Amino acid sequence: MDIPNFLKKRRKELGLTQQDLTDRLASYGYEGTHSRVGHWEKGRNLPPIGDPKFREVLALALEISVNNMLIQMGYEVTDDDRSGPALTAANLVERMTPEMQRLAIEQLKALANYGSQSRVG
C-alpha cells in the first residue's frame, strides 16, 4: 500500500476527518492544516516520513505502531529495538479491531498515568 492510500484508509478506520487528524497531530507537537493532510492523501506531496519525530507523532495520531505504519505504507522494516513487553503489547493490539485498539490504548494510558502518579506521591 502506498502512503496516500494508507493515510486515508487508516484515518477513515478511526472515524476521523482530516481536521480531526490535524488536531491529533497538533496535540502531539506537529502543527499543520487539514489541507496539508488532504494533499498527503491525494499524493500531491508526502508527509515528512524521513523525520523520526514526525513518524512517532503520526503513528500516535493514527493509533498504530511506527513499524506497522511503515510496513503498511510499503516500507520494509527489518529492525525493532523495542523491549520484549513493548513488542508483546504492540503485537496484541495490532490483532484487535480498531474499536478494541482504542479501548486498549486508553487502558494503557490510564495505567501509565496511574504509575507515574503513584511514584510522585
PDB file of N, CA and C in Angstrom:
ATOM      1  N   MET A   1       0.860  -1.191   0.000  1.00  0.00           N
ATOM      2  CA  MET A   1       0.000   0.000   0.000  1.00  0.00           C
ATOM      3  C   MET A   1       0.891   1.235   0.000  1.00  0.00           C
ATOM      4  N   ASP A   2       0.498   2.256  -0.701  1.00  0.00           N
ATOM      5  CA  ASP A   2       1.286   3.472  -0.738  1.00  0.00           C
ATOM      6  C   ASP A   2       0.855   4.434   0.371  1.00  0.00           C
ATOM      7  N   ILE A   3       1.637   5.473   0.585  1.00  0.00           N
ATOM      8  CA  ILE A   3       1.403   6.408   1.692  1.00  0.00           C
ATOM      9  C   ILE A   3       0.034   7.087   1.592  1.00  0.00           C
ATOM     10  N   PRO A   4      -0.319   7.706   0.444  1.00  0.00           N
ATOM     11  CA  PRO A   4      -1.625   8.388   0.394  1.00  0.00           C
ATOM     12  C   PRO A   4      -2.803   7.469   0.713  1.00  0.00           C
ATOM     13  N   ASN A   5      -2.822   6.287   0.117  1.00  0.00           N
ATOM     14  CA  ASN A   5      -3.936   5.368   0.374  1.00  0.00           C
ATOM     15  C   ASN A   5      -3.956   4.887   1.814  1.00  0.00           C
ATOM     16  N   PHE A   6      -2.771   4.599   2.378  1.00  0.00           N
ATOM     17  CA  PHE A   6      -2.727   4.170   3.775  1.00  0.00           C
ATOM     18  C   PHE A   6      -3.288   5.252   4.686  1.00  0.00           C
ATOM     19  N   LEU A   7      -2.838   6.501   4.503  1.00  0.00           N
ATOM     20  CA  LEU A   7      -3.286   7.586   5.381  1.00  0.00           C
ATOM     21  C   LEU A   7      -4.804   7.742   5.345  1.00  0.00           C
ATOM     22  N   LYS A   8      -5.362   7.758   4.152  1.00  0.00           N
ATOM     23  CA  LYS A   8      -6.807   7.941   4.028  1.00  0.00           C
ATOM     24  C   LYS A   8      -7.561   6.754   4.639  1.00  0.00           C
ATOM     25  N   LYS A   9      -7.102   5.543   4.331  1.00  0.00           N
ATOM     26  CA  LYS A   9      -7.758   4.338   4.848  1.00  0.00           C
ATOM     27  C   LYS A   9      -7.704   4.306   6.376  1.00  0.00           C
ATOM     28  N   ARG A  10      -6.540   4.551   6.955  1.00  0.00           N
ATOM     29  CA  ARG A  10      -6.397   4.479   8.417  1.00  0.00           C
ATOM     30  C   ARG A  10      -7.201   5.582   9.092  1.00  0.00           C
ATOM     31  N   ARG A  11      -7.179   6.781   8.528  1.00  0.00           N
ATOM     32  CA  ARG A  11      -7.948   7.885   9.098  1.00  0.00           C
ATOM     33  C   ARG A  11      -9.431   7.518   9.124  1.00  0.00           C
ATOM     34  N   LYS A  12      -9.924   6.952   8.042  1.00  0.00           N
ATOM     35  CA  LYS A  12     -11.338   6.573   7.977  1.00  0.00           C
ATOM     36  C   LYS A  12     -11.659   5.410   8.912  1.00  0.00           C
ATOM     37  N   GLU A  13     -10.712   4.450   9.061  1.00  0.00           N
ATOM     38  CA  GLU A  13     -10.918   3.350  10.013  1.00  0.00           C
ATOM     39  C   GLU A  13     -11.127   3.885  11.419  1.00  0.00           C
ATOM     40  N   LEU A  14     -10.441   4.966  11.746  1.00  0.00           N
ATOM     41  CA  LEU A  14     -10.549   5.566  13.077  1.00  0.00           C
ATOM     42  C   LEU A  14     -11.734   6.528  13.181  1.00  0.00           C
ATOM     43  N   GLY A  15     -12.434   6.741  12.068  1.00  0.00           N
ATOM     44  CA  GLY A  15     -13.587   7.645  12.075  1.00  0.00           C
ATOM     45  C   GLY A  15     -13.197   9.098  12.207  1.00  0.00           C
ATOM     46  N   LEU A  16     -12.033   9.452  11.679  1.00  0.00           N
ATOM     47  CA  LEU A  16     -11.522  10.815  11.800  1.00  0.00           C
ATOM     48  C   LEU A  16     -11.713  11.592  10.502  1.00  0.00           C
ATOM     49  N   THR A  17     -11.988  12.878  10.641  1.00  0.00           N
ATOM     50  CA  THR A  17     -11.946  13.769   9.491  1.00  0.00           C
ATOM     51  C   THR A  17     -10.499  14.222   9.304  1.00  0.00           C
ATOM     52  N   GLN A  18     -10.233  14.887   8.204  1.00  0.00           N
ATOM     53  CA  GLN A  18      -8.890  15.431   8.008  1.00  0.00           C
ATOM     54  C   GLN A  18      -8.563  16.432   9.116  1.00  0.00           C
ATOM     55  N   GLN A  19      -9.555  17.212   9.532  1.00  0.00           N
ATOM     56  CA  GLN A  19      -9.327  18.169  10.615  1.00  0.00           C
ATOM     57  C   GLN A  19      -9.050  17.456  11.929  1.00  0.00           C
ATOM     58  N   ASP A  20      -9.752  16.351  12.191  1.00  0.00           N
ATOM     59  CA  ASP A  20      -9.500  15.570  13.403  1.00  0.00           C
ATOM     60  C   ASP A  20      -8.052  15.082  13.430  1.00  0.00           C
ATOM     61  N   LEU A  21      -7.578  14.578  12.294  1.00  0.00           N
ATOM     62  CA  LEU A  21      -6.196  14.102  12.232  1.00  0.00           C
ATOM     63  C   LEU A  21      -5.233  15.261  12.437  1.00  0.00           C
ATOM     64  N   THR A  22      -5.531  16.404  11.841  1.00  0.00           N
ATOM     65  CA  THR A  22      -4.707  17.596  12.034  1.00  0.00           C
ATOM     66  C   THR A  22      -4.651  17.964  13.511  1.00  0.00           C
ATOM     67  N   ASP A  23      -5.787  17.918  14.174  1.00  0.00           N
ATOM     68  CA  ASP A  23      -5.845  18.244  15.609  1.00  0.00           C
ATOM     69  C   ASP A  23      -5.038  17.246  16.432  1.00  0.00           C
ATOM     70  N   ARG A  24      -5.122  15.975  16.091  1.00  0.00           N
ATOM     71  CA  ARG A  24      -4.334  14.958  16.808  1.00  0.00           C
ATOM     72  C   ARG A  24      -2.843  15.204  16.607  1.00  0.00           C
ATOM     73  N   LEU A  25      -2.449  15.478  15.373  1.00  0.00           N
ATOM     74  CA  LEU A  25      -1.034  15.755  15.107  1.00  0.00           C
ATOM     75  C   LEU A  25      -0.570  16.955  15.932  1.00  0.00           C
ATOM     76  N   ALA A  26      -1.399  17.996  16.002  1.00  0.00           N
ATOM     77  CA  ALA A  26      -1.056  19.189  16.779  1.00  0.00           C
ATOM     78  C   ALA A  26      -0.933  18.859  18.265  1.00  0.00           C
ATOM     79  N   SER A  27      -1.801  17.978  18.754  1.00  0.00           N
ATOM     80  CA  SER A  27      -1.752  17.636  20.179  1.00  0.00           C
ATOM     81  C   SER A  27      -0.450  16.918  20.533  1.00  0.00           C
ATOM     82  N   TYR A  28       0.195  16.310  19.534  1.00  0.00           N
ATOM     83  CA  TYR A  28       1.473  15.635  19.751  1.00  0.00           C
ATOM     84  C   TYR A  28       2.659  16.481  19.286  1.00  0.00           C
ATOM     85  N   GLY A  29       2.404  17.738  18.906  1.00  0.00           N
ATOM     86  CA  GLY A  29       3.505  18.648  18.616  1.00  0.00           C
ATOM     87  C   GLY A  29       3.791  18.930  17.159  1.00  0.00           C
ATOM     88  N   TYR A  30       2.936  18.460  16.242  1.00  0.00           N
ATOM     89  CA  TYR A  30       3.155  18.747  14.821  1.00  0.00           C
ATOM     90  C   TYR A  30       2.037  19.658  14.334  1.00  0.00           C
ATOM     91  N   GLU A  31       2.400  20.889  14.009  1.00  0.00           N
ATOM     92  CA  GLU A  31       1.411  21.855  13.542  1.00  0.00           C
ATOM     93  C   GLU A  31       1.241  21.730  12.038  1.00  0.00           C
ATOM     94  N   GLY A  32       0.009  21.696  11.599  1.00  0.00           N
ATOM     95  CA  GLY A  32      -0.291  21.612  10.177  1.00  0.00           C
ATOM     96  C   GLY A  32      -1.717  22.052   9.943  1.00  0.00           C
ATOM     97  N   THR A  33      -2.210  21.790   8.753  1.00  0.00           N
ATOM     98  CA  THR A  33      -3.579  22.146   8.402  1.00  0.00           C
ATOM     99  C   THR A  33      -4.264  20.934   7.796  1.00  0.00           C
ATOM    100  N   HIS A  34      -5.601  20.965   7.813  1.00  0.00           N
ATOM    101  CA  HIS A  34      -6.326  19.846   7.209  1.00  0.00           C
ATOM    102  C   HIS A  34      -6.066  19.778   5.711  1.00  0.00           C
ATOM    103  N   SER A  35      -5.773  20.927   5.083  1.00  0.00           N
ATOM    104  CA  SER A  35      -5.470  20.888   3.646  1.00  0.00           C
ATOM    105  C   SER A  35      -4.143  20.174   3.395  1.00  0.00           C
ATOM    106  N   ARG A  36      -3.213  20.272   4.337  1.00  0.00           N
ATOM    107  CA  ARG A  36      -1.949  19.537   4.201  1.00  0.00           C
ATOM    108  C   ARG A  36      -2.225  18.035   4.233  1.00  0.00           C
ATOM    109  N   VAL A  37      -3.089  17.604   5.159  1.00  0.00           N
ATOM    110  CA  VAL A  37      -3.467  16.186   5.225  1.00  0.00           C
ATOM    111  C   VAL A  37      -4.120  15.775   3.901  1.00  0.00           C
ATOM    112  N   GLY A  38      -4.968  16.630   3.364  1.00  0.00           N
ATOM    113  CA  GLY A  38      -5.605  16.355   2.085  1.00  0.00           C
ATOM    114  C   GLY A  38      -4.594  16.193   0.958  1.00  0.00           C
ATOM    115  N   HIS A  39      -3.563  17.042   0.961  1.00  0.00           N
ATOM    116  CA  HIS A  39      -2.504  16.930  -0.047  1.00  0.00           C
ATOM    117  C   HIS A  39      -1.758  15.606   0.100  1.00  0.00           C
ATOM    118  N   TRP A  40      -1.515  15.191   1.348  1.00  0.00           N
ATOM    119  CA  TRP A  40      -0.842  13.903   1.583  1.00  0.00           C
ATOM    120  C   TRP A  40      -1.691  12.769   1.028  1.00  0.00           C
ATOM    121  N   GLU A  41      -2.992  12.822   1.317  1.00  0.00           N
ATOM    122  CA  GLU A  41      -3.884  11.740   0.899  1.00  0.00           C
ATOM    123  C   GLU A  41      -4.071  11.685  -0.619  1.00  0.00           C
ATOM    124  N   LYS A  42      -3.903  12.803  -1.273  1.00  0.00           N
ATOM    125  CA  LYS A  42      -4.037  12.834  -2.738  1.00  0.00           C
ATOM    126  C   LYS A  42      -2.688  12.620  -3.428  1.00  0.00           C
ATOM    127  N   GLY A  43      -1.607  12.536  -2.649  1.00  0.00           N
ATOM    128  CA  GLY A  43      -0.287  12.319  -3.216  1.00  0.00           C
ATOM    129  C   GLY A  43       0.330  13.559  -3.847  1.00  0.00           C
ATOM    130  N   ARG A  44      -0.245  14.722  -3.573  1.00  0.00           N
ATOM    131  CA  ARG A  44       0.315  15.971  -4.116  1.00  0.00           C
ATOM    132  C   ARG A  44       1.686  16.242  -3.534  1.00  0.00           C
ATOM    133  N   ASN A  45       1.817  15.962  -2.268  1.00  0.00           N
ATOM    134  CA  ASN A  45       3.123  15.936  -1.597  1.00  0.00           C
ATOM    135  C   ASN A  45       3.010  14.916  -0.474  1.00  0.00           C
ATOM    136  N   LEU A  46       4.131  14.540   0.065  1.00  0.00           N
ATOM    137  CA  LEU A  46       4.136  13.477   1.071  1.00  0.00           C
ATOM    138  C   LEU A  46       4.505  14.027   2.437  1.00  0.00           C
ATOM    139  N   PRO A  47       4.013  13.379   3.483  1.00  0.00           N
ATOM    140  CA  PRO A  47       4.402  13.796   4.834  1.00  0.00           C
ATOM    141  C   PRO A  47       5.891  13.542   5.040  1.00  0.00           C
ATOM    142  N   PRO A  48       6.493  14.224   5.990  1.00  0.00           N
ATOM    143  CA  PRO A  48       7.937  14.066   6.229  1.00  0.00           C
ATOM    144  C   PRO A  48       8.273  12.761   6.957  1.00  0.00           C
ATOM    145  N   ILE A  49       8.029  11.643   6.302  1.00  0.00           N
ATOM    146  CA  ILE A  49       8.240  10.324   6.901  1.00  0.00           C
ATOM    147  C   ILE A  49       9.709  10.106   7.264  1.00  0.00           C
ATOM    148  N   GLY A  50      10.619  10.800   6.605  1.00  0.00           N
ATOM    149  CA  GLY A  50      12.038  10.657   6.912  1.00  0.00           C
ATOM    150  C   GLY A  50      12.431  11.216   8.275  1.00  0.00           C
ATOM    151  N   ASP A  51      11.573  12.015   8.874  1.00  0.00           N
ATOM    152  CA  ASP A  51      11.833  12.619  10.182  1.00  0.00           C
ATOM    153  C   ASP A  51      11.334  11.668  11.279  1.00  0.00           C
ATOM    154  N   PRO A  52      12.244  11.113  12.091  1.00  0.00           N
ATOM    155  CA  PRO A  52      11.826  10.151  13.129  1.00  0.00           C
ATOM    156  C   PRO A  52      10.781  10.708  14.094  1.00  0.00           C
ATOM    157  N   LYS A  53      10.898  11.982  14.458  1.00  0.00           N
ATOM    158  CA  LYS A  53       9.933  12.590  15.386  1.00  0.00           C
ATOM    159  C   LYS A  53       8.546  12.627  14.740  1.00  0.00           C
ATOM    160  N   PHE A  54       8.504  13.009  13.461  1.00  0.00           N
ATOM    161  CA  PHE A  54       7.215  13.047  12.770  1.00  0.00           C
ATOM    162  C   PHE A  54       6.612  11.652  12.669  1.00  0.00           C
ATOM    163  N   ARG A  55       7.427  10.655  12.362  1.00  0.00           N
ATOM    164  CA  ARG A  55       6.914   9.278  12.274  1.00  0.00           C
ATOM    165  C   ARG A  55       6.237   8.879  13.581  1.00  0.00           C
ATOM    166  N   GLU A  56       6.876   9.215  14.697  1.00  0.00           N
ATOM    167  CA  GLU A  56       6.311   8.876  16.007  1.00  0.00           C
ATOM    168  C   GLU A  56       4.985   9.605  16.233  1.00  0.00           C
ATOM    169  N   VAL A  57       4.949  10.891  15.899  1.00  0.00           N
ATOM    170  CA  VAL A  57       3.733  11.691  16.067  1.00  0.00           C
ATOM    171  C   VAL A  57       2.610  11.151  15.195  1.00  0.00           C
ATOM    172  N   LEU A  58       2.919  10.844  13.935  1.00  0.00           N
ATOM    173  CA  LEU A  58       1.898  10.325  13.029  1.00  0.00           C
ATOM    174  C   LEU A  58       1.367   8.982  13.522  1.00  0.00           C
ATOM    175  N   ALA A  59       2.267   8.124  13.979  1.00  0.00           N
ATOM    176  CA  ALA A  59       1.844   6.816  14.491  1.00  0.00           C
ATOM    177  C   ALA A  59       0.936   6.981  15.712  1.00  0.00           C
ATOM    178  N   LEU A  60       1.288   7.884  16.605  1.00  0.00           N
ATOM    179  CA  LEU A  60       0.431   8.138  17.773  1.00  0.00           C
ATOM    180  C   LEU A  60      -0.942   8.639  17.327  1.00  0.00           C
ATOM    181  N   ALA A  61      -0.954   9.568  16.400  1.00  0.00           N
ATOM    182  CA  ALA A  61      -2.220  10.135  15.922  1.00  0.00           C
ATOM    183  C   ALA A  61      -3.080   9.077  15.239  1.00  0.00           C
ATOM    184  N   LEU A  62      -2.429   8.117  14.582  1.00  0.00           N
ATOM    185  CA  LEU A  62      -3.160   7.069  13.868  1.00  0.00           C
ATOM    186  C   LEU A  62      -3.345   5.805  14.709  1.00  0.00           C
ATOM    187  N   GLU A  63      -2.913   5.868  15.967  1.00  0.00           N
ATOM    188  CA  GLU A  63      -3.080   4.756  16.907  1.00  0.00           C
ATOM    189  C   GLU A  63      -2.539   3.447  16.338  1.00  0.00           C
ATOM    190  N   ILE A  64      -1.285   3.487  15.924  1.00  0.00           N
ATOM    191  CA  ILE A  64      -0.638   2.341  15.311  1.00  0.00           C
ATOM    192  C   ILE A  64       0.846   2.414  15.663  1.00  0.00           C
ATOM    193  N   SER A  65       1.524   1.293  15.668  1.00  0.00           N
ATOM    194  CA  SER A  65       2.963   1.323  15.931  1.00  0.00           C
ATOM    195  C   SER A  65       3.683   1.921  14.729  1.00  0.00           C
ATOM    196  N   VAL A  66       4.829   2.525  14.976  1.00  0.00           N
ATOM    197  CA  VAL A  66       5.613   3.117  13.890  1.00  0.00           C
ATOM    198  C   VAL A  66       5.965   2.044  12.864  1.00  0.00           C
ATOM    199  N   ASN A  67       6.439   0.901  13.345  1.00  0.00           N
ATOM    200  CA  ASN A  67       6.839  -0.155  12.407  1.00  0.00           C
ATOM    201  C   ASN A  67       5.666  -0.647  11.571  1.00  0.00           C
ATOM    202  N   ASN A  68       4.536  -0.900  12.184  1.00  0.00           N
ATOM    203  CA  ASN A  68       3.378  -1.362  11.432  1.00  0.00           C
ATOM    204  C   ASN A  68       2.923  -0.295  10.445  1.00  0.00           C
ATOM    205  N   MET A  69       2.961   0.948  10.853  1.00  0.00           N
ATOM    206  CA  MET A  69       2.589   2.039   9.962  1.00  0.00           C
ATOM    207  C   MET A  69       3.498   2.046   8.732  1.00  0.00           C
ATOM    208  N   LEU A  70       4.797   1.953   8.975  1.00  0.00           N
ATOM    209  CA  LEU A  70       5.744   1.971   7.861  1.00  0.00           C
ATOM    210  C   LEU A  70       5.546   0.773   6.936  1.00  0.00           C
ATOM    211  N   ILE A  71       5.309  -0.384   7.519  1.00  0.00           N
ATOM    212  CA  ILE A  71       5.068  -1.579   6.713  1.00  0.00           C
ATOM    213  C   ILE A  71       3.835  -1.379   5.831  1.00  0.00           C
ATOM    214  N   GLN A  72       2.760  -0.838   6.409  1.00  0.00           N
ATOM    215  CA  GLN A  72       1.536  -0.625   5.640  1.00  0.00           C
ATOM    216  C   GLN A  72       1.704   0.460   4.578  1.00  0.00           C
ATOM    217  N   MET A  73       2.681   1.341   4.776  1.00  0.00           N
ATOM    218  CA  MET A  73       2.971   2.368   3.773  1.00  0.00           C
ATOM    219  C   MET A  73       3.835   1.815   2.641  1.00  0.00           C
ATOM    220  N   GLY A  74       4.314   0.598   2.820  1.00  0.00           N
ATOM    221  CA  GLY A  74       5.107  -0.016   1.771  1.00  0.00           C
ATOM    222  C   GLY A  74       6.598  -0.077   2.045  1.00  0.00           C
ATOM    223  N   TYR A  75       7.021   0.342   3.228  1.00  0.00           N
ATOM    224  CA  TYR A  75       8.432   0.274   3.591  1.00  0.00           C
ATOM    225  C   TYR A  75       8.771  -1.113   4.128  1.00  0.00           C
ATOM    226  N   GLU A  76      10.009  -1.498   3.984  1.00  0.00           N
ATOM    227  CA  GLU A  76      10.483  -2.743   4.585  1.00  0.00           C
ATOM    228  C   GLU A  76      11.121  -2.399   5.916  1.00  0.00           C
ATOM    229  N   VAL A  77      10.625  -2.998   6.967  1.00  0.00           N
ATOM    230  CA  VAL A  77      11.130  -2.741   8.314  1.00  0.00           C
ATOM    231  C   VAL A  77      11.820  -4.006   8.784  1.00  0.00           C
ATOM    232  N   THR A  78      13.098  -3.895   9.096  1.00  0.00           N
ATOM    233  CA  THR A  78      13.861  -5.088   9.456  1.00  0.00           C
ATOM    234  C   THR A  78      14.385  -5.065  10.880  1.00  0.00           C
ATOM    235  N   ASP A  79      14.321  -3.940  11.568  1.00  0.00           N
ATOM    236  CA  ASP A  79      14.900  -3.849  12.901  1.00  0.00           C
ATOM    237  C   ASP A  79      13.875  -3.247  13.852  1.00  0.00           C
ATOM    238  N   ASP A  80      13.824  -3.780  15.049  1.00  0.00           N
ATOM    239  CA  ASP A  80      12.904  -3.270  16.052  1.00  0.00           C
ATOM    240  C   ASP A  80      13.620  -3.284  17.388  1.00  0.00           C
ATOM    241  N   ASP A  81      13.808  -2.102  17.970  1.00  0.00           N
ATOM    242  CA  ASP A  81      14.561  -2.027  19.215  1.00  0.00           C
ATOM    243  C   ASP A  81      13.674  -1.861  20.443  1.00  0.00           C
ATOM    244  N   ARG A  82      12.386  -2.171  20.312  1.00  0.00           N
ATOM    245  CA  ARG A  82      11.506  -2.090  21.481  1.00  0.00           C
ATOM    246  C   ARG A  82      11.766  -3.269  22.410  1.00  0.00           C
ATOM    247  N   SER A  83      11.426  -3.080  23.669  1.00  0.00           N
ATOM    248  CA  SER A  83      11.602  -4.136  24.665  1.00  0.00           C
ATOM    249  C   SER A  83      10.628  -5.282  24.389  1.00  0.00           C
ATOM    250  N   GLY A  84      10.902  -6.426  25.001  1.00  0.00           N
ATOM    251  CA  GLY A  84      10.022  -7.581  24.873  1.00  0.00           C
ATOM    252  C   GLY A  84       8.580  -7.278  25.260  1.00  0.00           C
ATOM    253  N   PRO A  85       8.360  -6.665  26.441  1.00  0.00           N
ATOM    254  CA  PRO A  85       6.981  -6.343  26.820  1.00  0.00           C
ATOM    255  C   PRO A  85       6.313  -5.367  25.843  1.00  0.00           C
ATOM    256  N   ALA A  86       7.076  -4.409  25.314  1.00  0.00           N
ATOM    257  CA  ALA A  86       6.501  -3.461  24.355  1.00  0.00           C
ATOM    258  C   ALA A  86       6.098  -4.174  23.070  1.00  0.00           C
ATOM    259  N   LEU A  87       6.940  -5.089  22.615  1.00  0.00           N
ATOM    260  CA  LEU A  87       6.615  -5.861  21.410  1.00  0.00           C
ATOM    261  C   LEU A  87       5.386  -6.735  21.634  1.00  0.00           C
ATOM    262  N   THR A  88       5.297  -7.349  22.796  1.00  0.00           N
ATOM    263  CA  THR A  88       4.136  -8.189  23.108  1.00  0.00           C
ATOM    264  C   THR A  88       2.866  -7.350  23.093  1.00  0.00           C
ATOM    265  N   ALA A  89       2.901  -6.194  23.763  1.00  0.00           N
ATOM    266  CA  ALA A  89       1.725  -5.320  23.798  1.00  0.00           C
ATOM    267  C   ALA A  89       1.360  -4.854  22.392  1.00  0.00           C
ATOM    268  N   ALA A  90       2.350  -4.460  21.610  1.00  0.00           N
ATOM    269  CA  ALA A  90       2.088  -3.995  20.245  1.00  0.00           C
ATOM    270  C   ALA A  90       1.488  -5.110  19.393  1.00  0.00           C
ATOM    271  N   ASN A  91       2.025  -6.302  19.511  1.00  0.00           N
ATOM    272  CA  ASN A  91       1.511  -7.417  18.725  1.00  0.00           C
ATOM    273  C   ASN A  91       0.074  -7.759  19.100  1.00  0.00           C
ATOM    274  N   LEU A  92      -0.240  -7.687  20.382  1.00  0.00           N
ATOM    275  CA  LEU A  92      -1.620  -7.950  20.816  1.00  0.00           C
ATOM    276  C   LEU A  92      -2.567  -6.887  20.280  1.00  0.00           C
ATOM    277  N   VAL A  93      -2.179  -5.634  20.410  1.00  0.00           N
ATOM    278  CA  VAL A  93      -3.032  -4.537  19.973  1.00  0.00           C
ATOM    279  C   VAL A  93      -3.238  -4.580  18.463  1.00  0.00           C
ATOM    280  N   GLU A  94      -2.205  -4.918  17.714  1.00  0.00           N
ATOM    281  CA  GLU A  94      -2.310  -4.958  16.255  1.00  0.00           C
ATOM    282  C   GLU A  94      -3.330  -5.972  15.768  1.00  0.00           C
ATOM    283  N   ARG A  95      -3.624  -7.002  16.540  1.00  0.00           N
ATOM    284  CA  ARG A  95      -4.580  -8.033  16.128  1.00  0.00           C
ATOM    285  C   ARG A  95      -6.020  -7.673  16.473  1.00  0.00           C
ATOM    286  N   MET A  96      -6.221  -6.548  17.151  1.00  0.00           N
ATOM    287  CA  MET A  96      -7.560  -6.148  17.586  1.00  0.00           C
ATOM    288  C   MET A  96      -8.262  -5.322  16.515  1.00  0.00           C
ATOM    289  N   THR A  97      -9.573  -5.239  16.655  1.00  0.00           N
ATOM    290  CA  THR A  97     -10.347  -4.343  15.788  1.00  0.00           C
ATOM    291  C   THR A  97      -9.997  -2.903  16.161  1.00  0.00           C
ATOM    292  N   PRO A  98     -10.253  -1.941  15.287  1.00  0.00           N
ATOM    293  CA  PRO A  98      -9.955  -0.543  15.627  1.00  0.00           C
ATOM    294  C   PRO A  98     -10.597  -0.091  16.944  1.00  0.00           C
ATOM    295  N   GLU A  99     -11.843  -0.507  17.189  1.00  0.00           N
ATOM    296  CA  GLU A  99     -12.509  -0.112  18.441  1.00  0.00           C
ATOM    297  C   GLU A  99     -11.798  -0.722  19.649  1.00  0.00           C
ATOM    298  N   MET A 100     -11.438  -1.996  19.554  1.00  0.00           N
ATOM    299  CA  MET A 100     -10.719  -2.638  20.652  1.00  0.00           C
ATOM    300  C   MET A 100      -9.347  -1.995  20.840  1.00  0.00           C
ATOM    301  N   GLN A 101      -8.704  -1.586  19.752  1.00  0.00           N
ATOM    302  CA  GLN A 101      -7.412  -0.915  19.853  1.00  0.00           C
ATOM    303  C   GLN A 101      -7.548   0.382  20.639  1.00  0.00           C
ATOM    304  N   ARG A 102      -8.602   1.160  20.320  1.00  0.00           N
ATOM    305  CA  ARG A 102      -8.810   2.419  21.052  1.00  0.00           C
ATOM    306  C   ARG A 102      -8.988   2.158  22.548  1.00  0.00           C
ATOM    307  N   LEU A 103      -9.780   1.137  22.884  1.00  0.00           N
ATOM    308  CA  LEU A 103     -10.009   0.811  24.293  1.00  0.00           C
ATOM    309  C   LEU A 103      -8.719   0.353  24.974  1.00  0.00           C
ATOM    310  N   ALA A 104      -7.954  -0.494  24.288  1.00  0.00           N
ATOM    311  CA  ALA A 104      -6.695  -0.985  24.853  1.00  0.00           C
ATOM    312  C   ALA A 104      -5.725   0.163  25.086  1.00  0.00           C
ATOM    313  N   ILE A 105      -5.641   1.073  24.137  1.00  0.00           N
ATOM    314  CA  ILE A 105      -4.725   2.209  24.276  1.00  0.00           C
ATOM    315  C   ILE A 105      -5.166   3.118  25.418  1.00  0.00           C
ATOM    316  N   GLU A 106      -6.469   3.344  25.544  1.00  0.00           N
ATOM    317  CA  GLU A 106      -6.972   4.135  26.674  1.00  0.00           C
ATOM    318  C   GLU A 106      -6.576   3.490  27.996  1.00  0.00           C
ATOM    319  N   GLN A 107      -6.719   2.174  28.084  1.00  0.00           N
ATOM    320  CA  GLN A 107      -6.355   1.463  29.319  1.00  0.00           C
ATOM    321  C   GLN A 107      -4.855   1.564  29.592  1.00  0.00           C
ATOM    322  N   LEU A 108      -4.045   1.413  28.557  1.00  0.00           N
ATOM    323  CA  LEU A 108      -2.594   1.528  28.738  1.00  0.00           C
ATOM    324  C   LEU A 108      -2.203   2.930  29.193  1.00  0.00           C
ATOM    325  N   LYS A 109      -2.838   3.945  28.605  1.00  0.00           N
ATOM    326  CA  LYS A 109      -2.570   5.326  29.030  1.00  0.00           C
ATOM    327  C   LYS A 109      -2.960   5.528  30.487  1.00  0.00           C
ATOM    328  N   ALA A 110      -4.119   4.997  30.879  1.00  0.00           N
ATOM    329  CA  ALA A 110      -4.563   5.125  32.269  1.00  0.00           C
ATOM    330  C   ALA A 110      -3.580   4.440  33.212  1.00  0.00           C
ATOM    331  N   LEU A 111      -3.102   3.261  32.825  1.00  0.00           N
ATOM    332  CA  LEU A 111      -2.117   2.559  33.656  1.00  0.00           C
ATOM    333  C   LEU A 111      -0.807   3.341  33.747  1.00  0.00           C
ATOM    334  N   ALA A 112      -0.372   3.915  32.637  1.00  0.00           N
ATOM    335  CA  ALA A 112       0.860   4.705  32.643  1.00  0.00           C
ATOM    336  C   ALA A 112       0.707   5.940  33.527  1.00  0.00           C
ATOM    337  N   ASN A 113      -0.446   6.610  33.441  1.00  0.00           N
ATOM    338  CA  ASN A 113      -0.695   7.781  34.288  1.00  0.00           C
ATOM    339  C   ASN A 113      -0.768   7.389  35.751  1.00  0.00           C
ATOM    340  N   TYR A 114      -1.413   6.266  36.046  1.00  0.00           N
ATOM    341  CA  TYR A 114      -1.514   5.779  37.417  1.00  0.00           C
ATOM    342  C   TYR A 114      -0.131   5.503  37.983  1.00  0.00           C
ATOM    343  N   GLY A 115       0.701   4.855  37.181  1.00  0.00           N
ATOM    344  CA  GLY A 115       2.059   4.543  37.627  1.00  0.00           C
ATOM    345  C   GLY A 115       2.887   5.772  37.883  1.00  0.00           C
ATOM    346  N   SER A 116       2.770   6.788  37.046  1.00  0.00           N
ATOM    347  CA  SER A 116       3.562   8.000  37.236  1.00  0.00           C
ATOM    348  C   SER A 116       3.048   8.803  38.428  1.00  0.00           C
ATOM    349  N   GLN A 117       1.731   8.768  38.681  1.00  0.00           N
ATOM    350  CA  GLN A 117       1.162   9.473  39.827  1.00  0.00           C
ATOM    351  C   GLN A 117       1.573   8.806  41.140  1.00  0.00           C
ATOM    352  N   SER A 118       1.630   7.489  41.150  1.00  0.00           N
ATOM    353  CA  SER A 118       1.970   6.778  42.395  1.00  0.00           C
ATOM    354  C   SER A 118       3.442   6.996  42.759  1.00  0.00           C
ATOM    355  N   ARG A 119       4.305   7.243  41.772  1.00  0.00           N
ATOM    356  CA  ARG A 119       5.716   7.495  42.073  1.00  0.00           C
ATOM    357  C   ARG A 119       5.933   8.896  42.596  1.00  0.00           C
ATOM    358  N   VAL A 120       5.080   9.839  42.149  1.00  0.00           N
ATOM    359  CA  VAL A 120       5.228  11.230  42.582  1.00  0.00           C
ATOM    360  C   VAL A 120       4.853  11.368  44.043  1.00  0.00           C
ATOM    361  N   GLY A 121       3.780  10.722  44.436  1.00  0.00           N
ATOM    362  CA  GLY A 121       3.234  10.864  45.778  1.00  0.00           C
ATOM    363  C   GLY A 121       3.961  10.097  46.738  1.00  0.00           C
TER     364      GLY A 121
END
